[in-house]
Amino acid sequence: MSTEQYKIKTYSPKFAKKTVTVMRKVSQRTFGSLGTDNFDDQVSHFKNVLAKKYEMRIVTSFNERVIYGVAIFSKTELIDLLVDPMKKGLGISTELIDIVKNQSNGTLSCTTKSRQLADFLQKNGFKPTTHNQFVWQEN
């Protein structure tokens, strides 16, 4: 997928419903009670808790009608990397992880039970430290 076909943007609350839709498709991890909440509660939690606590970058269609992926992170931690399963293999995850690395303080950790995310992290310079824990350090 070329960059003419999508845009990378800083998260805005106007994208909350579309972002939660991607999260529900991927369902790698649930934040708090999000796994049992209904859609509207998930959107509310996303806007009022996650978006205020962490930085986010989203990949949208050029017209911003569809969200293809989202990275949730802080300066020291990759919280989650979510890409619509229908858009896997297009370089979206790599683009997002590069942004997160550039925004970091030079070290990132990520805890995940997702085998797919764990494999992706290792292919992108993260080293396993303990069970389900991965660390990346800038050279």
N, C-alpha and C. Protein backbone atom coordinates (compact mmCIF):
# COMPACT_ATOMS: atom_id res chain seq x y z
N MET A 1 0.86 -1.18 0.00
CA MET A 1 0.00 0.00 0.00
C MET A 1 0.89 1.23 0.00
N SER A 2 0.69 2.10 -0.94
CA SER A 2 1.51 3.31 -1.00
C SER A 2 0.92 4.38 -0.09
N THR A 3 1.76 5.35 0.28
CA THR A 3 1.28 6.40 1.18
C THR A 3 0.23 7.28 0.52
N GLU A 4 0.08 7.20 -0.80
CA GLU A 4 -1.01 7.94 -1.44
C GLU A 4 -2.37 7.35 -1.09
N GLN A 5 -2.39 6.10 -0.66
CA GLN A 5 -3.64 5.42 -0.37
C GLN A 5 -4.07 5.53 1.09
N TYR A 6 -3.19 6.02 1.95
CA TYR A 6 -3.56 6.17 3.35
C TYR A 6 -2.84 7.36 3.96
N LYS A 7 -3.32 7.77 5.12
CA LYS A 7 -2.71 8.87 5.86
C LYS A 7 -2.40 8.38 7.26
N ILE A 8 -1.31 8.89 7.81
CA ILE A 8 -0.97 8.63 9.21
C ILE A 8 -1.26 9.90 9.97
N LYS A 9 -2.06 9.76 11.02
CA LYS A 9 -2.50 10.93 11.77
C LYS A 9 -2.34 10.68 13.26
N THR A 10 -2.23 11.76 14.00
CA THR A 10 -2.31 11.69 15.45
C THR A 10 -3.77 11.44 15.80
N TYR A 11 -4.00 10.60 16.78
CA TYR A 11 -5.36 10.26 17.18
C TYR A 11 -6.15 11.50 17.55
N SER A 12 -7.41 11.49 17.17
CA SER A 12 -8.37 12.53 17.53
C SER A 12 -9.65 11.82 17.97
N PRO A 13 -10.40 12.39 18.93
CA PRO A 13 -11.63 11.74 19.39
C PRO A 13 -12.64 11.44 18.28
N LYS A 14 -12.57 12.16 17.18
CA LYS A 14 -13.51 11.88 16.08
C LYS A 14 -13.29 10.48 15.49
N PHE A 15 -12.12 9.88 15.77
CA PHE A 15 -11.82 8.55 15.26
C PHE A 15 -12.14 7.44 16.27
N ALA A 16 -12.72 7.76 17.41
CA ALA A 16 -12.90 6.77 18.49
C ALA A 16 -13.70 5.56 18.03
N LYS A 17 -14.85 5.77 17.43
CA LYS A 17 -15.69 4.62 17.02
C LYS A 17 -14.98 3.75 16.00
N LYS A 18 -14.32 4.36 15.04
CA LYS A 18 -13.62 3.59 14.01
C LYS A 18 -12.42 2.86 14.61
N THR A 19 -11.76 3.47 15.58
CA THR A 19 -10.61 2.83 16.22
C THR A 19 -11.06 1.63 17.05
N VAL A 20 -12.15 1.78 17.77
CA VAL A 20 -12.68 0.66 18.56
C VAL A 20 -13.13 -0.47 17.64
N THR A 21 -13.66 -0.12 16.48
CA THR A 21 -14.05 -1.15 15.52
C THR A 21 -12.84 -1.99 15.10
N VAL A 22 -11.71 -1.34 14.84
CA VAL A 22 -10.49 -2.08 14.50
C VAL A 22 -10.05 -2.92 15.70
N MET A 23 -10.09 -2.33 16.90
CA MET A 23 -9.70 -3.06 18.11
C MET A 23 -10.54 -4.32 18.26
N ARG A 24 -11.83 -4.22 18.00
CA ARG A 24 -12.71 -5.38 18.14
C ARG A 24 -12.42 -6.44 17.09
N LYS A 25 -12.01 -6.03 15.90
CA LYS A 25 -11.66 -6.99 14.85
C LYS A 25 -10.41 -7.77 15.22
N VAL A 26 -9.44 -7.06 15.79
CA VAL A 26 -8.16 -7.67 16.11
C VAL A 26 -8.24 -8.42 17.43
N SER A 27 -8.82 -7.78 18.42
CA SER A 27 -9.01 -8.31 19.78
C SER A 27 -7.78 -9.03 20.33
N GLN A 28 -6.58 -8.45 20.11
CA GLN A 28 -5.37 -9.01 20.69
C GLN A 28 -5.39 -8.88 22.19
N ARG A 29 -5.85 -7.75 22.65
CA ARG A 29 -5.80 -7.46 24.07
C ARG A 29 -7.03 -6.63 24.40
N THR A 30 -7.53 -6.80 25.60
CA THR A 30 -8.62 -5.95 26.04
C THR A 30 -8.14 -5.13 27.21
N PHE A 31 -8.53 -3.88 27.24
CA PHE A 31 -8.09 -2.96 28.27
C PHE A 31 -9.15 -2.89 29.35
N GLY A 32 -8.81 -3.35 30.55
CA GLY A 32 -9.76 -3.31 31.65
C GLY A 32 -10.97 -4.16 31.33
N SER A 33 -12.15 -3.57 31.44
CA SER A 33 -13.39 -4.31 31.21
C SER A 33 -13.84 -4.22 29.76
N LEU A 34 -12.98 -3.74 28.88
CA LEU A 34 -13.40 -3.57 27.49
C LEU A 34 -13.86 -4.87 26.85
N GLY A 35 -13.34 -5.98 27.31
CA GLY A 35 -13.73 -7.26 26.72
C GLY A 35 -15.19 -7.60 26.92
N THR A 36 -15.79 -7.08 27.99
CA THR A 36 -17.19 -7.39 28.27
C THR A 36 -18.11 -6.20 28.06
N ASP A 37 -17.55 -5.02 27.82
CA ASP A 37 -18.37 -3.83 27.61
C ASP A 37 -19.02 -3.85 26.24
N ASN A 38 -20.14 -3.13 26.14
CA ASN A 38 -20.75 -2.98 24.83
C ASN A 38 -19.97 -1.93 24.03
N PHE A 39 -20.29 -1.80 22.77
CA PHE A 39 -19.54 -0.93 21.88
C PHE A 39 -19.47 0.50 22.39
N ASP A 40 -20.59 1.07 22.81
CA ASP A 40 -20.60 2.46 23.28
C ASP A 40 -19.74 2.65 24.52
N ASP A 41 -19.75 1.68 25.44
CA ASP A 41 -18.90 1.76 26.62
C ASP A 41 -17.42 1.66 26.23
N GLN A 42 -17.13 0.82 25.25
CA GLN A 42 -15.75 0.70 24.78
C GLN A 42 -15.28 2.02 24.16
N VAL A 43 -16.12 2.65 23.37
CA VAL A 43 -15.78 3.94 22.75
C VAL A 43 -15.54 4.98 23.84
N SER A 44 -16.41 5.02 24.83
CA SER A 44 -16.27 5.97 25.93
C SER A 44 -14.95 5.75 26.68
N HIS A 45 -14.64 4.50 27.00
CA HIS A 45 -13.40 4.18 27.69
C HIS A 45 -12.19 4.57 26.83
N PHE A 46 -12.28 4.30 25.56
CA PHE A 46 -11.18 4.62 24.66
C PHE A 46 -10.92 6.12 24.64
N LYS A 47 -12.00 6.91 24.50
CA LYS A 47 -11.86 8.37 24.43
C LYS A 47 -11.45 8.99 25.76
N ASN A 48 -12.04 8.50 26.85
CA ASN A 48 -11.87 9.15 28.14
C ASN A 48 -10.75 8.60 29.01
N VAL A 49 -10.23 7.43 28.66
CA VAL A 49 -9.16 6.85 29.47
C VAL A 49 -7.90 6.65 28.60
N LEU A 50 -7.99 5.76 27.62
CA LEU A 50 -6.81 5.43 26.83
C LEU A 50 -6.24 6.62 26.08
N ALA A 51 -7.10 7.38 25.42
CA ALA A 51 -6.63 8.51 24.61
C ALA A 51 -6.00 9.60 25.47
N LYS A 52 -6.39 9.67 26.72
CA LYS A 52 -5.82 10.69 27.61
C LYS A 52 -4.53 10.21 28.27
N LYS A 53 -4.36 8.91 28.37
CA LYS A 53 -3.21 8.35 29.06
C LYS A 53 -2.03 8.08 28.12
N TYR A 54 -2.32 7.73 26.87
CA TYR A 54 -1.28 7.31 25.93
C TYR A 54 -1.29 8.15 24.66
N GLU A 55 -0.18 8.10 23.94
CA GLU A 55 -0.13 8.68 22.61
C GLU A 55 -0.65 7.65 21.63
N MET A 56 -1.17 8.13 20.50
CA MET A 56 -1.66 7.21 19.48
C MET A 56 -1.41 7.78 18.11
N ARG A 57 -1.12 6.88 17.18
CA ARG A 57 -1.08 7.23 15.77
C ARG A 57 -2.01 6.26 15.08
N ILE A 58 -2.74 6.79 14.12
CA ILE A 58 -3.67 5.96 13.37
C ILE A 58 -3.35 6.04 11.89
N VAL A 59 -3.69 4.98 11.20
CA VAL A 59 -3.57 4.94 9.75
C VAL A 59 -5.00 4.91 9.22
N THR A 60 -5.34 5.93 8.43
CA THR A 60 -6.69 6.02 7.88
C THR A 60 -6.63 5.92 6.36
N SER A 61 -7.79 5.64 5.79
CA SER A 61 -7.91 5.75 4.34
C SER A 61 -7.70 7.22 4.01
N PHE A 62 -7.39 7.51 2.76
CA PHE A 62 -7.08 8.88 2.39
C PHE A 62 -8.23 9.83 2.71
N ASN A 63 -9.47 9.35 2.57
CA ASN A 63 -10.64 10.19 2.86
C ASN A 63 -11.05 10.12 4.34
N GLU A 64 -10.28 9.38 5.15
CA GLU A 64 -10.47 9.25 6.60
C GLU A 64 -11.77 8.54 6.99
N ARG A 65 -12.34 7.79 6.08
CA ARG A 65 -13.58 7.06 6.40
C ARG A 65 -13.32 5.73 7.09
N VAL A 66 -12.13 5.18 6.90
CA VAL A 66 -11.80 3.87 7.44
C VAL A 66 -10.47 3.96 8.18
N ILE A 67 -10.37 3.25 9.30
CA ILE A 67 -9.11 3.16 10.03
C ILE A 67 -8.52 1.77 9.73
N TYR A 68 -7.28 1.77 9.29
CA TYR A 68 -6.59 0.52 8.98
C TYR A 68 -5.75 0.02 10.13
N GLY A 69 -5.26 0.94 10.97
CA GLY A 69 -4.41 0.51 12.07
C GLY A 69 -4.24 1.60 13.10
N VAL A 70 -3.79 1.19 14.28
CA VAL A 70 -3.55 2.14 15.38
C VAL A 70 -2.40 1.62 16.23
N ALA A 71 -1.55 2.54 16.65
CA ALA A 71 -0.49 2.24 17.61
C ALA A 71 -0.79 3.02 18.88
N ILE A 72 -0.78 2.35 20.01
CA ILE A 72 -1.02 2.96 21.31
C ILE A 72 0.29 2.82 22.08
N PHE A 73 0.85 3.95 22.54
CA PHE A 73 2.18 3.89 23.12
C PHE A 73 2.47 5.05 24.05
N SER A 74 3.56 4.92 24.78
CA SER A 74 4.13 6.02 25.56
C SER A 74 5.59 6.13 25.12
N LYS A 75 6.35 6.99 25.77
CA LYS A 75 7.77 7.16 25.42
C LYS A 75 8.58 5.90 25.70
N THR A 76 8.09 5.04 26.59
CA THR A 76 8.85 3.86 26.99
C THR A 76 8.15 2.53 26.72
N GLU A 77 6.91 2.57 26.27
CA GLU A 77 6.14 1.33 26.14
C GLU A 77 5.24 1.33 24.92
N LEU A 78 5.28 0.23 24.19
CA LEU A 78 4.30 -0.01 23.14
C LEU A 78 3.16 -0.76 23.81
N ILE A 79 2.03 -0.09 23.91
CA ILE A 79 0.87 -0.70 24.59
C ILE A 79 0.20 -1.70 23.67
N ASP A 80 -0.03 -1.28 22.44
CA ASP A 80 -0.61 -2.20 21.46
C ASP A 80 -0.42 -1.67 20.06
N LEU A 81 -0.43 -2.59 19.13
CA LEU A 81 -0.33 -2.30 17.71
C LEU A 81 -1.43 -3.10 17.04
N LEU A 82 -2.41 -2.42 16.52
CA LEU A 82 -3.59 -3.08 15.97
C LEU A 82 -3.73 -2.73 14.50
N VAL A 83 -3.85 -3.74 13.66
CA VAL A 83 -4.05 -3.52 12.23
C VAL A 83 -5.22 -4.40 11.80
N ASP A 84 -6.13 -3.79 11.05
CA ASP A 84 -7.28 -4.51 10.53
C ASP A 84 -6.77 -5.78 9.82
N PRO A 85 -7.30 -6.94 10.19
CA PRO A 85 -6.83 -8.19 9.57
C PRO A 85 -6.90 -8.19 8.04
N MET A 86 -7.82 -7.44 7.47
CA MET A 86 -7.94 -7.38 6.01
C MET A 86 -6.82 -6.53 5.38
N LYS A 87 -6.07 -5.81 6.20
CA LYS A 87 -5.01 -4.93 5.70
C LYS A 87 -3.61 -5.42 6.09
N LYS A 88 -3.51 -6.61 6.62
CA LYS A 88 -2.21 -7.17 7.01
C LYS A 88 -1.35 -7.36 5.76
N GLY A 89 -0.05 -7.23 5.94
CA GLY A 89 0.89 -7.47 4.84
C GLY A 89 1.08 -6.28 3.91
N LEU A 90 0.52 -5.12 4.28
CA LEU A 90 0.65 -3.94 3.43
C LEU A 90 1.69 -2.94 3.95
N GLY A 91 2.37 -3.29 5.03
CA GLY A 91 3.39 -2.41 5.58
C GLY A 91 2.89 -1.45 6.64
N ILE A 92 1.62 -1.54 7.01
CA ILE A 92 1.05 -0.63 8.00
C ILE A 92 1.71 -0.83 9.36
N SER A 93 1.87 -2.06 9.78
CA SER A 93 2.50 -2.34 11.09
C SER A 93 3.91 -1.80 11.14
N THR A 94 4.66 -1.98 10.07
CA THR A 94 6.04 -1.50 10.03
C THR A 94 6.08 0.02 10.10
N GLU A 95 5.19 0.66 9.37
CA GLU A 95 5.12 2.13 9.40
C GLU A 95 4.82 2.63 10.81
N LEU A 96 3.85 1.99 11.47
CA LEU A 96 3.49 2.39 12.83
C LEU A 96 4.61 2.13 13.83
N ILE A 97 5.27 0.98 13.73
CA ILE A 97 6.33 0.67 14.70
C ILE A 97 7.50 1.63 14.53
N ASP A 98 7.77 2.05 13.30
CA ASP A 98 8.83 3.03 13.08
C ASP A 98 8.49 4.37 13.74
N ILE A 99 7.24 4.77 13.66
CA ILE A 99 6.80 6.01 14.31
C ILE A 99 6.97 5.91 15.82
N VAL A 100 6.54 4.78 16.37
CA VAL A 100 6.65 4.58 17.82
C VAL A 100 8.11 4.62 18.26
N LYS A 101 8.98 3.95 17.51
CA LYS A 101 10.41 3.98 17.84
C LYS A 101 10.95 5.41 17.81
N ASN A 102 10.56 6.16 16.79
CA ASN A 102 11.04 7.55 16.67
C ASN A 102 10.52 8.44 17.79
N GLN A 103 9.36 8.13 18.34
CA GLN A 103 8.77 8.93 19.41
C GLN A 103 9.25 8.49 20.79
N SER A 104 9.95 7.36 20.84
CA SER A 104 10.38 6.81 22.13
C SER A 104 11.60 7.56 22.67
N ASN A 105 11.98 7.19 23.88
CA ASN A 105 13.20 7.76 24.49
C ASN A 105 14.41 6.87 24.19
N GLY A 106 14.26 5.94 23.25
CA GLY A 106 15.37 5.05 22.87
C GLY A 106 15.22 3.64 23.37
N THR A 107 14.26 3.41 24.24
CA THR A 107 13.98 2.07 24.76
C THR A 107 12.47 1.89 24.82
N LEU A 108 12.01 0.75 24.32
CA LEU A 108 10.57 0.43 24.37
C LEU A 108 10.40 -0.97 24.91
N SER A 109 9.36 -1.14 25.70
CA SER A 109 8.99 -2.48 26.12
C SER A 109 7.56 -2.75 25.65
N CYS A 110 7.25 -4.02 25.48
CA CYS A 110 5.89 -4.41 25.09
C CYS A 110 5.60 -5.77 25.71
N THR A 111 4.46 -5.86 26.32
CA THR A 111 3.98 -7.12 26.87
C THR A 111 2.79 -7.56 26.03
N THR A 112 2.87 -8.76 25.49
CA THR A 112 1.77 -9.25 24.65
C THR A 112 1.67 -10.76 24.74
N LYS A 113 0.47 -11.25 24.67
CA LYS A 113 0.23 -12.69 24.59
C LYS A 113 -0.03 -13.10 23.15
N SER A 114 -0.11 -12.13 22.26
CA SER A 114 -0.36 -12.40 20.85
C SER A 114 0.90 -12.95 20.19
N ARG A 115 0.82 -14.16 19.71
CA ARG A 115 1.97 -14.78 19.04
C ARG A 115 2.34 -13.99 17.78
N GLN A 116 1.32 -13.53 17.07
CA GLN A 116 1.55 -12.78 15.84
C GLN A 116 2.29 -11.46 16.13
N LEU A 117 1.86 -10.73 17.17
CA LEU A 117 2.54 -9.50 17.53
C LEU A 117 3.95 -9.79 18.04
N ALA A 118 4.11 -10.85 18.83
CA ALA A 118 5.44 -11.22 19.34
C ALA A 118 6.39 -11.50 18.18
N ASP A 119 5.94 -12.25 17.18
CA ASP A 119 6.78 -12.54 16.02
C ASP A 119 7.14 -11.26 15.27
N PHE A 120 6.16 -10.38 15.10
CA PHE A 120 6.39 -9.12 14.41
C PHE A 120 7.42 -8.28 15.16
N LEU A 121 7.27 -8.20 16.48
CA LEU A 121 8.21 -7.41 17.29
C LEU A 121 9.63 -7.92 17.13
N GLN A 122 9.80 -9.24 17.18
CA GLN A 122 11.13 -9.81 17.06
C GLN A 122 11.74 -9.54 15.67
N LYS A 123 10.91 -9.53 14.65
CA LYS A 123 11.39 -9.21 13.30
C LYS A 123 11.77 -7.74 13.16
N ASN A 124 11.32 -6.93 14.12
CA ASN A 124 11.58 -5.49 14.06
C ASN A 124 12.48 -5.01 15.21
N GLY A 125 13.36 -5.90 15.66
CA GLY A 125 14.40 -5.49 16.59
C GLY A 125 14.10 -5.62 18.06
N PHE A 126 12.94 -6.11 18.43
CA PHE A 126 12.62 -6.32 19.85
C PHE A 126 13.18 -7.66 20.28
N LYS A 127 13.73 -7.69 21.47
CA LYS A 127 14.31 -8.92 22.03
C LYS A 127 13.42 -9.42 23.16
N PRO A 128 13.16 -10.73 23.20
CA PRO A 128 12.39 -11.27 24.33
C PRO A 128 13.22 -11.20 25.60
N THR A 129 12.59 -10.75 26.69
CA THR A 129 13.30 -10.68 27.97
C THR A 129 12.73 -11.69 28.96
N THR A 130 11.42 -11.75 29.05
CA THR A 130 10.74 -12.74 29.87
C THR A 130 9.53 -13.22 29.08
N HIS A 131 8.79 -14.12 29.65
CA HIS A 131 7.60 -14.64 28.98
C HIS A 131 6.65 -13.50 28.62
N ASN A 132 6.36 -13.34 27.35
CA ASN A 132 5.44 -12.33 26.82
C ASN A 132 5.97 -10.89 26.91
N GLN A 133 7.23 -10.69 27.27
CA GLN A 133 7.81 -9.35 27.40
C GLN A 133 8.91 -9.18 26.36
N PHE A 134 8.90 -8.04 25.66
CA PHE A 134 9.87 -7.75 24.62
C PHE A 134 10.40 -6.34 24.81
N VAL A 135 11.69 -6.15 24.49
CA VAL A 135 12.32 -4.84 24.66
C VAL A 135 13.08 -4.49 23.38
N TRP A 136 12.98 -3.23 23.00
CA TRP A 136 13.75 -2.67 21.89
C TRP A 136 14.60 -1.55 22.44
N GLN A 137 15.85 -1.49 21.98
CA GLN A 137 16.74 -0.40 22.36
C GLN A 137 17.38 0.16 21.11
N GLU A 138 17.42 1.49 21.07
CA GLU A 138 18.04 2.18 19.94
C GLU A 138 19.54 1.93 19.97
N ASN A 139 20.11 1.68 18.81
CA ASN A 139 21.56 1.42 18.74
C ASN A 139 22.34 2.70 18.77
